[in-house]
Amino acid sequence: KVVPYLLECEHQRTTAQRAGLTDIVLNAMVLFPDIVELHTAAFHAFVLLARPLGGKEGMLFSREYIDGNGIFNISTQSGRNGVAVMLDSLRRFNSCDNLQSMGCWAMVNIALNPNYKKMLVKLGCITVMLDAMMMHTYNPEVQFRALFSLINMVIITAEEDTSTPEAAAIEESLGAINDISEREILDENVEKITNLVVVAMKNFCSMEAILN
Protein backbone atom coordinates (compact mmCIF):
# COMPACT_ATOMS: atom_id res chain seq x y z
CA LYS A 1 0.00 0.00 0.00
CA VAL A 2 2.99 2.32 0.51
CA VAL A 3 4.38 1.80 -3.01
CA PRO A 4 1.74 3.84 -4.92
CA TYR A 5 2.49 6.91 -2.82
CA LEU A 6 6.19 6.65 -3.66
CA LEU A 7 5.42 6.17 -7.35
CA GLU A 8 3.59 9.49 -7.57
CA CYS A 9 7.08 11.01 -7.92
CA GLU A 10 8.26 10.63 -11.52
CA HIS A 11 11.90 10.18 -10.46
CA GLN A 12 10.96 7.40 -8.03
CA ARG A 13 8.74 5.83 -10.68
CA THR A 14 11.58 5.73 -13.21
CA THR A 15 13.87 4.12 -10.62
CA ALA A 16 11.21 1.54 -9.76
CA GLN A 17 10.67 0.67 -13.42
CA ARG A 18 14.37 0.13 -14.01
CA ALA A 19 14.73 -1.89 -10.81
CA GLY A 20 12.04 -4.37 -11.86
CA LEU A 21 9.41 -3.48 -9.27
CA THR A 22 6.63 -4.59 -11.61
CA ASP A 23 7.90 -8.16 -11.59
CA ILE A 24 8.08 -8.16 -7.78
CA VAL A 25 4.47 -6.98 -7.49
CA LEU A 26 3.28 -9.53 -10.05
CA ASN A 27 5.08 -12.28 -8.15
CA ALA A 28 3.31 -11.23 -4.95
CA MET A 29 -0.03 -11.55 -6.77
CA VAL A 30 0.89 -15.12 -7.76
CA LEU A 31 2.09 -16.07 -4.26
CA PHE A 32 -1.01 -14.63 -2.54
CA PRO A 33 -3.84 -15.23 -5.03
CA ASP A 34 -6.74 -14.81 -2.60
CA ILE A 35 -5.90 -11.55 -0.82
CA VAL A 36 -8.11 -8.95 -2.49
CA GLU A 37 -6.50 -6.03 -0.65
CA LEU A 38 -3.07 -6.98 -1.95
CA HIS A 39 -4.32 -7.32 -5.52
CA THR A 40 -6.12 -3.98 -5.35
CA ALA A 41 -2.95 -2.28 -4.09
CA ALA A 42 -0.98 -4.07 -6.83
CA PHE A 43 -3.25 -2.66 -9.54
CA HIS A 44 -2.85 0.80 -8.01
CA ALA A 45 0.92 0.37 -8.33
CA PHE A 46 0.50 -0.71 -11.97
CA VAL A 47 -1.54 2.42 -12.70
CA LEU A 48 1.52 4.47 -11.77
CA LEU A 49 4.22 2.16 -13.09
CA ALA A 50 2.56 2.22 -16.50
CA ARG A 51 1.90 5.96 -16.48
CA PRO A 52 3.73 7.54 -19.45
CA LEU A 53 6.72 9.59 -18.38
CA GLY A 54 5.93 13.20 -19.16
CA GLY A 55 2.37 12.24 -20.02
CA LYS A 56 -0.84 12.66 -18.11
CA GLU A 57 -3.18 10.15 -16.50
CA GLY A 58 -5.71 8.40 -18.67
CA MET A 59 -4.24 9.34 -22.04
CA LEU A 60 -5.56 7.91 -25.26
CA PHE A 61 -3.43 5.53 -27.26
CA SER A 62 -0.58 7.57 -28.75
CA ARG A 63 2.86 6.39 -29.84
CA GLU A 64 4.29 9.76 -28.86
CA TYR A 65 4.39 8.85 -25.17
CA ILE A 66 5.26 5.16 -25.40
CA ASP A 67 8.39 3.95 -23.65
CA GLY A 68 9.76 1.38 -26.06
CA ASN A 69 11.76 -0.39 -23.36
CA GLY A 70 8.61 -1.42 -21.55
CA ILE A 71 8.19 -2.17 -17.85
CA PHE A 72 6.49 -5.58 -17.83
CA ASN A 73 8.45 -8.76 -18.24
CA ILE A 74 6.61 -11.25 -20.43
CA SER A 75 7.27 -13.96 -17.84
CA THR A 76 7.39 -13.24 -14.11
CA GLN A 77 9.66 -14.79 -11.49
CA SER A 78 6.93 -17.39 -11.00
CA GLY A 79 7.19 -18.35 -14.67
CA ARG A 80 3.71 -17.03 -15.47
CA ASN A 81 2.83 -14.43 -18.09
CA GLY A 82 2.52 -11.07 -16.31
CA VAL A 83 -0.48 -9.88 -18.33
CA ALA A 84 -2.25 -13.21 -17.71
CA VAL A 85 -1.66 -12.79 -13.96
CA MET A 86 -3.43 -9.43 -13.99
CA LEU A 87 -6.36 -10.67 -16.05
CA ASP A 88 -6.74 -13.75 -13.85
CA SER A 89 -6.95 -11.45 -10.82
CA LEU A 90 -9.67 -9.35 -12.44
CA ARG A 91 -11.65 -12.50 -13.20
CA ARG A 92 -11.16 -13.97 -9.72
CA PHE A 93 -12.29 -10.83 -7.93
CA ASN A 94 -15.00 -9.81 -10.39
CA SER A 95 -17.43 -8.96 -7.58
CA CYS A 96 -15.08 -6.44 -5.90
CA ASP A 97 -15.90 -3.04 -7.35
CA ASN A 98 -12.83 -1.31 -5.89
CA LEU A 99 -10.45 -3.84 -7.44
CA GLN A 100 -12.31 -3.77 -10.76
CA SER A 101 -12.11 0.01 -10.87
CA MET A 102 -8.38 0.03 -10.11
CA GLY A 103 -7.73 -2.84 -12.52
CA CYS A 104 -9.56 -1.10 -15.37
CA TRP A 105 -7.58 2.05 -14.62
CA ALA A 106 -4.32 0.09 -14.86
CA MET A 107 -5.38 -1.36 -18.22
CA VAL A 108 -5.81 2.18 -19.61
CA ASN A 109 -2.12 2.96 -19.08
CA ILE A 110 -0.73 -0.50 -19.86
CA ALA A 111 -2.52 -0.50 -23.22
CA LEU A 112 -0.55 2.59 -24.27
CA ASN A 113 2.31 0.25 -25.15
CA PRO A 114 1.36 -1.47 -28.45
CA ASN A 115 3.05 -4.75 -27.53
CA TYR A 116 1.22 -5.03 -24.21
CA LYS A 117 -2.01 -3.79 -25.76
CA LYS A 118 -1.83 -6.55 -28.36
CA MET A 119 -1.27 -9.12 -25.63
CA LEU A 120 -4.13 -7.73 -23.52
CA VAL A 121 -6.57 -7.97 -26.41
CA LYS A 122 -5.51 -11.49 -27.40
CA LEU A 123 -5.61 -12.79 -23.81
CA GLY A 124 -9.19 -11.61 -23.32
CA CYS A 125 -8.94 -8.18 -21.72
CA ILE A 126 -11.89 -6.82 -23.70
CA THR A 127 -14.12 -9.56 -22.30
CA VAL A 128 -12.83 -8.86 -18.79
CA MET A 129 -13.64 -5.15 -19.14
CA LEU A 130 -17.12 -5.94 -20.47
CA ASP A 131 -17.75 -8.38 -17.61
CA ALA A 132 -16.78 -5.66 -15.12
CA MET A 133 -19.28 -3.28 -16.73
CA MET A 134 -22.04 -5.90 -16.55
CA MET A 135 -21.22 -6.87 -12.97
CA HIS A 136 -21.07 -3.26 -11.71
CA THR A 137 -23.68 -1.56 -13.85
CA TYR A 138 -24.32 1.30 -11.45
CA ASN A 139 -20.77 1.97 -10.25
CA PRO A 140 -19.56 5.14 -12.02
CA GLU A 141 -15.86 4.50 -11.31
CA VAL A 142 -15.92 1.02 -12.85
CA GLN A 143 -17.97 2.19 -15.82
CA PHE A 144 -15.78 5.21 -16.54
CA ARG A 145 -12.48 3.36 -16.29
CA ALA A 146 -13.70 0.30 -18.19
CA LEU A 147 -14.95 2.57 -20.98
CA PHE A 148 -11.63 4.41 -21.04
CA SER A 149 -9.69 1.16 -21.30
CA LEU A 150 -11.96 -0.03 -24.12
CA ILE A 151 -11.20 3.17 -26.05
CA ASN A 152 -7.53 2.16 -26.10
CA MET A 153 -8.31 -1.53 -26.74
CA VAL A 154 -10.47 -1.05 -29.84
CA ILE A 155 -7.80 0.87 -31.74
CA ILE A 156 -6.19 -1.70 -34.04
CA THR A 157 -2.47 -1.97 -33.34
CA ALA A 158 -0.23 -1.03 -36.27
CA GLU A 159 2.07 -3.74 -37.55
CA GLU A 160 5.05 -3.94 -35.21
CA ASP A 161 8.64 -4.97 -35.88
CA THR A 162 8.64 -8.56 -34.58
CA SER A 163 12.44 -8.70 -34.70
CA THR A 164 12.80 -6.85 -31.38
CA PRO A 165 13.40 -9.09 -28.32
CA GLU A 166 10.22 -7.86 -26.59
CA ALA A 167 8.00 -8.38 -29.64
CA ALA A 168 9.52 -11.82 -30.27
CA ALA A 169 8.94 -12.84 -26.64
CA ILE A 170 5.31 -11.76 -26.89
CA GLU A 171 4.82 -13.73 -30.11
CA GLU A 172 6.24 -16.83 -28.41
CA SER A 173 4.22 -16.26 -25.22
CA LEU A 174 0.92 -16.01 -27.09
CA GLY A 175 1.49 -19.22 -29.00
CA ALA A 176 -1.55 -20.38 -30.99
CA ILE A 177 -3.61 -17.44 -29.69
CA ASN A 178 -1.44 -15.15 -31.81
CA ASP A 179 -3.07 -16.59 -34.94
CA ILE A 180 -6.31 -14.81 -34.03
CA SER A 181 -6.26 -11.21 -35.23
CA GLU A 182 -7.30 -8.22 -33.13
CA ARG A 183 -9.91 -7.44 -35.79
CA GLU A 184 -11.53 -10.86 -35.31
CA ILE A 185 -11.68 -10.37 -31.54
CA LEU A 186 -13.18 -6.91 -31.92
CA ASP A 187 -15.76 -8.16 -34.41
CA GLU A 188 -16.82 -10.85 -31.93
CA ASN A 189 -17.38 -8.27 -29.19
CA VAL A 190 -18.66 -5.24 -31.10
CA GLU A 191 -22.34 -5.86 -30.35
CA LYS A 192 -21.74 -6.29 -26.62
CA ILE A 193 -19.43 -3.25 -26.52
CA THR A 194 -22.03 -1.09 -28.25
CA ASN A 195 -24.81 -2.28 -25.94
CA LEU A 196 -22.84 -1.68 -22.74
CA VAL A 197 -21.68 1.76 -23.90
CA VAL A 198 -25.29 2.77 -24.53
CA VAL A 199 -26.39 1.37 -21.14
CA ALA A 200 -23.64 3.31 -19.36
CA MET A 201 -24.61 6.53 -21.16
CA LYS A 202 -28.24 6.03 -20.12
CA ASN A 203 -27.45 5.18 -16.49
CA PHE A 204 -25.04 8.10 -16.10
CA CYS A 205 -26.63 10.62 -18.45
CA SER A 206 -25.74 13.45 -16.07
CA MET A 207 -22.03 12.56 -15.88
CA GLU A 208 -20.03 14.48 -18.47
CA ALA A 209 -16.94 12.25 -18.11
CA ILE A 210 -18.83 9.10 -19.09
CA LEU A 211 -20.80 10.78 -21.86
CA ASN A 212 -17.56 12.03 -23.40
C-alpha atoms as a PDB file:
ATOM      1  CA  LYS A   1       0.000   0.000   0.000  1.00  0.00           C
ATOM      2  CA  VAL A   2       2.989   2.318   0.512  1.00  0.00           C
ATOM      3  CA  VAL A   3       4.384   1.799  -3.005  1.00  0.00           C
ATOM      4  CA  PRO A   4       1.740   3.838  -4.921  1.00  0.00           C
ATOM      5  CA  TYR A   5       2.489   6.911  -2.818  1.00  0.00           C
ATOM      6  CA  LEU A   6       6.186   6.652  -3.658  1.00  0.00           C
ATOM      7  CA  LEU A   7       5.424   6.167  -7.353  1.00  0.00           C
ATOM      8  CA  GLU A   8       3.591   9.490  -7.570  1.00  0.00           C
ATOM      9  CA  CYS A   9       7.078  11.010  -7.918  1.00  0.00           C
ATOM     10  CA  GLU A  10       8.260  10.628 -11.515  1.00  0.00           C
ATOM     11  CA  HIS A  11      11.901  10.182 -10.459  1.00  0.00           C
ATOM     12  CA  GLN A  12      10.963   7.398  -8.026  1.00  0.00           C
ATOM     13  CA  ARG A  13       8.743   5.833 -10.682  1.00  0.00           C
ATOM     14  CA  THR A  14      11.581   5.729 -13.212  1.00  0.00           C
ATOM     15  CA  THR A  15      13.873   4.123 -10.622  1.00  0.00           C
ATOM     16  CA  ALA A  16      11.207   1.538  -9.763  1.00  0.00           C
ATOM     17  CA  GLN A  17      10.665   0.674 -13.424  1.00  0.00           C
ATOM     18  CA  ARG A  18      14.372   0.128 -14.009  1.00  0.00           C
ATOM     19  CA  ALA A  19      14.732  -1.891 -10.806  1.00  0.00           C
ATOM     20  CA  GLY A  20      12.036  -4.365 -11.864  1.00  0.00           C
ATOM     21  CA  LEU A  21       9.407  -3.478  -9.267  1.00  0.00           C
ATOM     22  CA  THR A  22       6.634  -4.586 -11.612  1.00  0.00           C
ATOM     23  CA  ASP A  23       7.896  -8.161 -11.585  1.00  0.00           C
ATOM     24  CA  ILE A  24       8.083  -8.160  -7.782  1.00  0.00           C
ATOM     25  CA  VAL A  25       4.475  -6.976  -7.489  1.00  0.00           C
ATOM     26  CA  LEU A  26       3.275  -9.526 -10.048  1.00  0.00           C
ATOM     27  CA  ASN A  27       5.079 -12.284  -8.150  1.00  0.00           C
ATOM     28  CA  ALA A  28       3.305 -11.234  -4.948  1.00  0.00           C
ATOM     29  CA  MET A  29      -0.031 -11.545  -6.774  1.00  0.00           C
ATOM     30  CA  VAL A  30       0.888 -15.116  -7.761  1.00  0.00           C
ATOM     31  CA  LEU A  31       2.090 -16.068  -4.261  1.00  0.00           C
ATOM     32  CA  PHE A  32      -1.011 -14.626  -2.544  1.00  0.00           C
ATOM     33  CA  PRO A  33      -3.837 -15.228  -5.034  1.00  0.00           C
ATOM     34  CA  ASP A  34      -6.740 -14.811  -2.603  1.00  0.00           C
ATOM     35  CA  ILE A  35      -5.900 -11.548  -0.819  1.00  0.00           C
ATOM     36  CA  VAL A  36      -8.106  -8.949  -2.492  1.00  0.00           C
ATOM     37  CA  GLU A  37      -6.504  -6.027  -0.652  1.00  0.00           C
ATOM     38  CA  LEU A  38      -3.066  -6.985  -1.950  1.00  0.00           C
ATOM     39  CA  HIS A  39      -4.325  -7.323  -5.521  1.00  0.00           C
ATOM     40  CA  THR A  40      -6.124  -3.976  -5.349  1.00  0.00           C
ATOM     41  CA  ALA A  41      -2.948  -2.276  -4.094  1.00  0.00           C
ATOM     42  CA  ALA A  42      -0.979  -4.068  -6.832  1.00  0.00           C
ATOM     43  CA  PHE A  43      -3.250  -2.657  -9.536  1.00  0.00           C
ATOM     44  CA  HIS A  44      -2.847   0.802  -8.006  1.00  0.00           C
ATOM     45  CA  ALA A  45       0.919   0.365  -8.332  1.00  0.00           C
ATOM     46  CA  PHE A  46       0.498  -0.709 -11.974  1.00  0.00           C
ATOM     47  CA  VAL A  47      -1.539   2.425 -12.695  1.00  0.00           C
ATOM     48  CA  LEU A  48       1.517   4.471 -11.768  1.00  0.00           C
ATOM     49  CA  LEU A  49       4.224   2.158 -13.094  1.00  0.00           C
ATOM     50  CA  ALA A  50       2.558   2.217 -16.502  1.00  0.00           C
ATOM     51  CA  ARG A  51       1.903   5.958 -16.475  1.00  0.00           C
ATOM     52  CA  PRO A  52       3.730   7.538 -19.452  1.00  0.00           C
ATOM     53  CA  LEU A  53       6.716   9.594 -18.376  1.00  0.00           C
ATOM     54  CA  GLY A  54       5.934  13.203 -19.158  1.00  0.00           C
ATOM     55  CA  GLY A  55       2.366  12.241 -20.016  1.00  0.00           C
ATOM     56  CA  LYS A  56      -0.844  12.656 -18.114  1.00  0.00           C
ATOM     57  CA  GLU A  57      -3.179  10.154 -16.498  1.00  0.00           C
ATOM     58  CA  GLY A  58      -5.710   8.397 -18.666  1.00  0.00           C
ATOM     59  CA  MET A  59      -4.243   9.343 -22.039  1.00  0.00           C
ATOM     60  CA  LEU A  60      -5.563   7.911 -25.263  1.00  0.00           C
ATOM     61  CA  PHE A  61      -3.426   5.525 -27.263  1.00  0.00           C
ATOM     62  CA  SER A  62      -0.578   7.568 -28.750  1.00  0.00           C
ATOM     63  CA  ARG A  63       2.856   6.388 -29.835  1.00  0.00           C
ATOM     64  CA  GLU A  64       4.288   9.764 -28.863  1.00  0.00           C
ATOM     65  CA  TYR A  65       4.392   8.849 -25.173  1.00  0.00           C
ATOM     66  CA  ILE A  66       5.257   5.158 -25.400  1.00  0.00           C
ATOM     67  CA  ASP A  67       8.389   3.950 -23.648  1.00  0.00           C
ATOM     68  CA  GLY A  68       9.761   1.379 -26.061  1.00  0.00           C
ATOM     69  CA  ASN A  69      11.759  -0.392 -23.362  1.00  0.00           C
ATOM     70  CA  GLY A  70       8.612  -1.416 -21.547  1.00  0.00           C
ATOM     71  CA  ILE A  71       8.186  -2.167 -17.845  1.00  0.00           C
ATOM     72  CA  PHE A  72       6.493  -5.576 -17.830  1.00  0.00           C
ATOM     73  CA  ASN A  73       8.455  -8.764 -18.240  1.00  0.00           C
ATOM     74  CA  ILE A  74       6.608 -11.245 -20.429  1.00  0.00           C
ATOM     75  CA  SER A  75       7.266 -13.955 -17.840  1.00  0.00           C
ATOM     76  CA  THR A  76       7.388 -13.237 -14.110  1.00  0.00           C
ATOM     77  CA  GLN A  77       9.664 -14.788 -11.488  1.00  0.00           C
ATOM     78  CA  SER A  78       6.930 -17.390 -11.000  1.00  0.00           C
ATOM     79  CA  GLY A  79       7.190 -18.353 -14.672  1.00  0.00           C
ATOM     80  CA  ARG A  80       3.714 -17.031 -15.474  1.00  0.00           C
ATOM     81  CA  ASN A  81       2.826 -14.432 -18.086  1.00  0.00           C
ATOM     82  CA  GLY A  82       2.518 -11.074 -16.305  1.00  0.00           C
ATOM     83  CA  VAL A  83      -0.481  -9.884 -18.325  1.00  0.00           C
ATOM     84  CA  ALA A  84      -2.250 -13.206 -17.709  1.00  0.00           C
ATOM     85  CA  VAL A  85      -1.658 -12.795 -13.959  1.00  0.00           C
ATOM     86  CA  MET A  86      -3.427  -9.433 -13.992  1.00  0.00           C
ATOM     87  CA  LEU A  87      -6.361 -10.669 -16.055  1.00  0.00           C
ATOM     88  CA  ASP A  88      -6.743 -13.749 -13.846  1.00  0.00           C
ATOM     89  CA  SER A  89      -6.953 -11.455 -10.824  1.00  0.00           C
ATOM     90  CA  LEU A  90      -9.672  -9.351 -12.444  1.00  0.00           C
ATOM     91  CA  ARG A  91     -11.653 -12.500 -13.202  1.00  0.00           C
ATOM     92  CA  ARG A  92     -11.157 -13.967  -9.715  1.00  0.00           C
ATOM     93  CA  PHE A  93     -12.294 -10.827  -7.928  1.00  0.00           C
ATOM     94  CA  ASN A  94     -14.995  -9.811 -10.394  1.00  0.00           C
ATOM     95  CA  SER A  95     -17.426  -8.956  -7.584  1.00  0.00           C
ATOM     96  CA  CYS A  96     -15.081  -6.444  -5.902  1.00  0.00           C
ATOM     97  CA  ASP A  97     -15.901  -3.036  -7.350  1.00  0.00           C
ATOM     98  CA  ASN A  98     -12.828  -1.310  -5.888  1.00  0.00           C
ATOM     99  CA  LEU A  99     -10.445  -3.842  -7.439  1.00  0.00           C
ATOM    100  CA  GLN A 100     -12.307  -3.768 -10.755  1.00  0.00           C
ATOM    101  CA  SER A 101     -12.106   0.009 -10.870  1.00  0.00           C
ATOM    102  CA  MET A 102      -8.379   0.025 -10.111  1.00  0.00           C
ATOM    103  CA  GLY A 103      -7.735  -2.839 -12.525  1.00  0.00           C
ATOM    104  CA  CYS A 104      -9.564  -1.104 -15.370  1.00  0.00           C
ATOM    105  CA  TRP A 105      -7.575   2.054 -14.619  1.00  0.00           C
ATOM    106  CA  ALA A 106      -4.318   0.095 -14.856  1.00  0.00           C
ATOM    107  CA  MET A 107      -5.380  -1.356 -18.218  1.00  0.00           C
ATOM    108  CA  VAL A 108      -5.809   2.184 -19.610  1.00  0.00           C
ATOM    109  CA  ASN A 109      -2.121   2.964 -19.082  1.00  0.00           C
ATOM    110  CA  ILE A 110      -0.734  -0.499 -19.859  1.00  0.00           C
ATOM    111  CA  ALA A 111      -2.517  -0.496 -23.222  1.00  0.00           C
ATOM    112  CA  LEU A 112      -0.553   2.592 -24.270  1.00  0.00           C
ATOM    113  CA  ASN A 113       2.313   0.245 -25.154  1.00  0.00           C
ATOM    114  CA  PRO A 114       1.355  -1.466 -28.448  1.00  0.00           C
ATOM    115  CA  ASN A 115       3.045  -4.752 -27.535  1.00  0.00           C
ATOM    116  CA  TYR A 116       1.215  -5.031 -24.211  1.00  0.00           C
ATOM    117  CA  LYS A 117      -2.006  -3.787 -25.764  1.00  0.00           C
ATOM    118  CA  LYS A 118      -1.834  -6.545 -28.363  1.00  0.00           C
ATOM    119  CA  MET A 119      -1.271  -9.118 -25.632  1.00  0.00           C
ATOM    120  CA  LEU A 120      -4.126  -7.728 -23.518  1.00  0.00           C
ATOM    121  CA  VAL A 121      -6.565  -7.974 -26.410  1.00  0.00           C
ATOM    122  CA  LYS A 122      -5.511 -11.490 -27.396  1.00  0.00           C
ATOM    123  CA  LEU A 123      -5.608 -12.794 -23.813  1.00  0.00           C
ATOM    124  CA  GLY A 124      -9.187 -11.605 -23.321  1.00  0.00           C
ATOM    125  CA  CYS A 125      -8.943  -8.183 -21.715  1.00  0.00           C
ATOM    126  CA  ILE A 126     -11.894  -6.823 -23.702  1.00  0.00           C
ATOM    127  CA  THR A 127     -14.125  -9.561 -22.299  1.00  0.00           C
ATOM    128  CA  VAL A 128     -12.833  -8.858 -18.787  1.00  0.00           C
ATOM    129  CA  MET A 129     -13.643  -5.151 -19.138  1.00  0.00           C
ATOM    130  CA  LEU A 130     -17.124  -5.939 -20.472  1.00  0.00           C
ATOM    131  CA  ASP A 131     -17.749  -8.384 -17.612  1.00  0.00           C
ATOM    132  CA  ALA A 132     -16.781  -5.655 -15.124  1.00  0.00           C
ATOM    133  CA  MET A 133     -19.277  -3.283 -16.726  1.00  0.00           C
ATOM    134  CA  MET A 134     -22.040  -5.895 -16.552  1.00  0.00           C
ATOM    135  CA  MET A 135     -21.218  -6.870 -12.967  1.00  0.00           C
ATOM    136  CA  HIS A 136     -21.067  -3.256 -11.707  1.00  0.00           C
ATOM    137  CA  THR A 137     -23.679  -1.561 -13.849  1.00  0.00           C
ATOM    138  CA  TYR A 138     -24.324   1.301 -11.452  1.00  0.00           C
ATOM    139  CA  ASN A 139     -20.769   1.972 -10.251  1.00  0.00           C
ATOM    140  CA  PRO A 140     -19.558   5.138 -12.015  1.00  0.00           C
ATOM    141  CA  GLU A 141     -15.858   4.497 -11.314  1.00  0.00           C
ATOM    142  CA  VAL A 142     -15.924   1.023 -12.847  1.00  0.00           C
ATOM    143  CA  GLN A 143     -17.973   2.186 -15.822  1.00  0.00           C
ATOM    144  CA  PHE A 144     -15.781   5.212 -16.541  1.00  0.00           C
ATOM    145  CA  ARG A 145     -12.477   3.363 -16.289  1.00  0.00           C
ATOM    146  CA  ALA A 146     -13.698   0.304 -18.190  1.00  0.00           C
ATOM    147  CA  LEU A 147     -14.953   2.572 -20.979  1.00  0.00           C
ATOM    148  CA  PHE A 148     -11.630   4.410 -21.044  1.00  0.00           C
ATOM    149  CA  SER A 149      -9.692   1.157 -21.297  1.00  0.00           C
ATOM    150  CA  LEU A 150     -11.960  -0.026 -24.115  1.00  0.00           C
ATOM    151  CA  ILE A 151     -11.198   3.165 -26.047  1.00  0.00           C
ATOM    152  CA  ASN A 152      -7.529   2.159 -26.104  1.00  0.00           C
ATOM    153  CA  MET A 153      -8.310  -1.529 -26.741  1.00  0.00           C
ATOM    154  CA  VAL A 154     -10.467  -1.053 -29.836  1.00  0.00           C
ATOM    155  CA  ILE A 155      -7.798   0.867 -31.740  1.00  0.00           C
ATOM    156  CA  ILE A 156      -6.190  -1.699 -34.037  1.00  0.00           C
ATOM    157  CA  THR A 157      -2.470  -1.969 -33.343  1.00  0.00           C
ATOM    158  CA  ALA A 158      -0.232  -1.028 -36.266  1.00  0.00           C
ATOM    159  CA  GLU A 159       2.069  -3.742 -37.550  1.00  0.00           C
ATOM    160  CA  GLU A 160       5.049  -3.945 -35.205  1.00  0.00           C
ATOM    161  CA  ASP A 161       8.636  -4.973 -35.876  1.00  0.00           C
ATOM    162  CA  THR A 162       8.642  -8.562 -34.583  1.00  0.00           C
ATOM    163  CA  SER A 163      12.442  -8.705 -34.704  1.00  0.00           C
ATOM    164  CA  THR A 164      12.797  -6.852 -31.377  1.00  0.00           C
ATOM    165  CA  PRO A 165      13.397  -9.090 -28.317  1.00  0.00           C
ATOM    166  CA  GLU A 166      10.224  -7.857 -26.586  1.00  0.00           C
ATOM    167  CA  ALA A 167       7.999  -8.384 -29.639  1.00  0.00           C
ATOM    168  CA  ALA A 168       9.519 -11.820 -30.272  1.00  0.00           C
ATOM    169  CA  ALA A 169       8.939 -12.836 -26.644  1.00  0.00           C
ATOM    170  CA  ILE A 170       5.307 -11.757 -26.892  1.00  0.00           C
ATOM    171  CA  GLU A 171       4.821 -13.733 -30.113  1.00  0.00           C
ATOM    172  CA  GLU A 172       6.237 -16.834 -28.412  1.00  0.00           C
ATOM    173  CA  SER A 173       4.216 -16.264 -25.223  1.00  0.00           C
ATOM    174  CA  LEU A 174       0.917 -16.007 -27.091  1.00  0.00           C
ATOM    175  CA  GLY A 175       1.488 -19.222 -28.996  1.00  0.00           C
ATOM    176  CA  ALA A 176      -1.545 -20.376 -30.990  1.00  0.00           C
ATOM    177  CA  ILE A 177      -3.606 -17.435 -29.690  1.00  0.00           C
ATOM    178  CA  ASN A 178      -1.444 -15.152 -31.810  1.00  0.00           C
ATOM    179  CA  ASP A 179      -3.069 -16.593 -34.941  1.00  0.00           C
ATOM    180  CA  ILE A 180      -6.311 -14.811 -34.029  1.00  0.00           C
ATOM    181  CA  SER A 181      -6.264 -11.211 -35.231  1.00  0.00           C
ATOM    182  CA  GLU A 182      -7.297  -8.216 -33.134  1.00  0.00           C
ATOM    183  CA  ARG A 183      -9.914  -7.443 -35.793  1.00  0.00           C
ATOM    184  CA  GLU A 184     -11.534 -10.859 -35.306  1.00  0.00           C
ATOM    185  CA  ILE A 185     -11.680 -10.371 -31.542  1.00  0.00           C
ATOM    186  CA  LEU A 186     -13.185  -6.907 -31.918  1.00  0.00           C
ATOM    187  CA  ASP A 187     -15.762  -8.156 -34.414  1.00  0.00           C
ATOM    188  CA  GLU A 188     -16.819 -10.848 -31.934  1.00  0.00           C
ATOM    189  CA  ASN A 189     -17.384  -8.274 -29.191  1.00  0.00           C
ATOM    190  CA  VAL A 190     -18.657  -5.235 -31.102  1.00  0.00           C
ATOM    191  CA  GLU A 191     -22.341  -5.861 -30.348  1.00  0.00           C
ATOM    192  CA  LYS A 192     -21.741  -6.288 -26.623  1.00  0.00           C
ATOM    193  CA  ILE A 193     -19.433  -3.253 -26.519  1.00  0.00           C
ATOM    194  CA  THR A 194     -22.025  -1.087 -28.245  1.00  0.00           C
ATOM    195  CA  ASN A 195     -24.809  -2.277 -25.944  1.00  0.00           C
ATOM    196  CA  LEU A 196     -22.844  -1.676 -22.743  1.00  0.00           C
ATOM    197  CA  VAL A 197     -21.675   1.761 -23.896  1.00  0.00           C
ATOM    198  CA  VAL A 198     -25.292   2.767 -24.528  1.00  0.00           C
ATOM    199  CA  VAL A 199     -26.390   1.368 -21.145  1.00  0.00           C
ATOM    200  CA  ALA A 200     -23.636   3.311 -19.362  1.00  0.00           C
ATOM    201  CA  MET A 201     -24.605   6.526 -21.159  1.00  0.00           C
ATOM    202  CA  LYS A 202     -28.243   6.034 -20.122  1.00  0.00           C
ATOM    203  CA  ASN A 203     -27.447   5.178 -16.494  1.00  0.00           C
ATOM    204  CA  PHE A 204     -25.039   8.098 -16.103  1.00  0.00           C
ATOM    205  CA  CYS A 205     -26.633  10.620 -18.445  1.00  0.00           C
ATOM    206  CA  SER A 206     -25.739  13.454 -16.069  1.00  0.00           C
ATOM    207  CA  MET A 207     -22.026  12.564 -15.876  1.00  0.00           C
ATOM    208  CA  GLU A 208     -20.033  14.477 -18.472  1.00  0.00           C
ATOM    209  CA  ALA A 209     -16.937  12.254 -18.111  1.00  0.00           C
ATOM    210  CA  ILE A 210     -18.834   9.103 -19.088  1.00  0.00           C
ATOM    211  CA  LEU A 211     -20.801  10.780 -21.864  1.00  0.00           C
ATOM    212  CA  ASN A 212     -17.564  12.032 -23.403  1.00  0.00           C
END
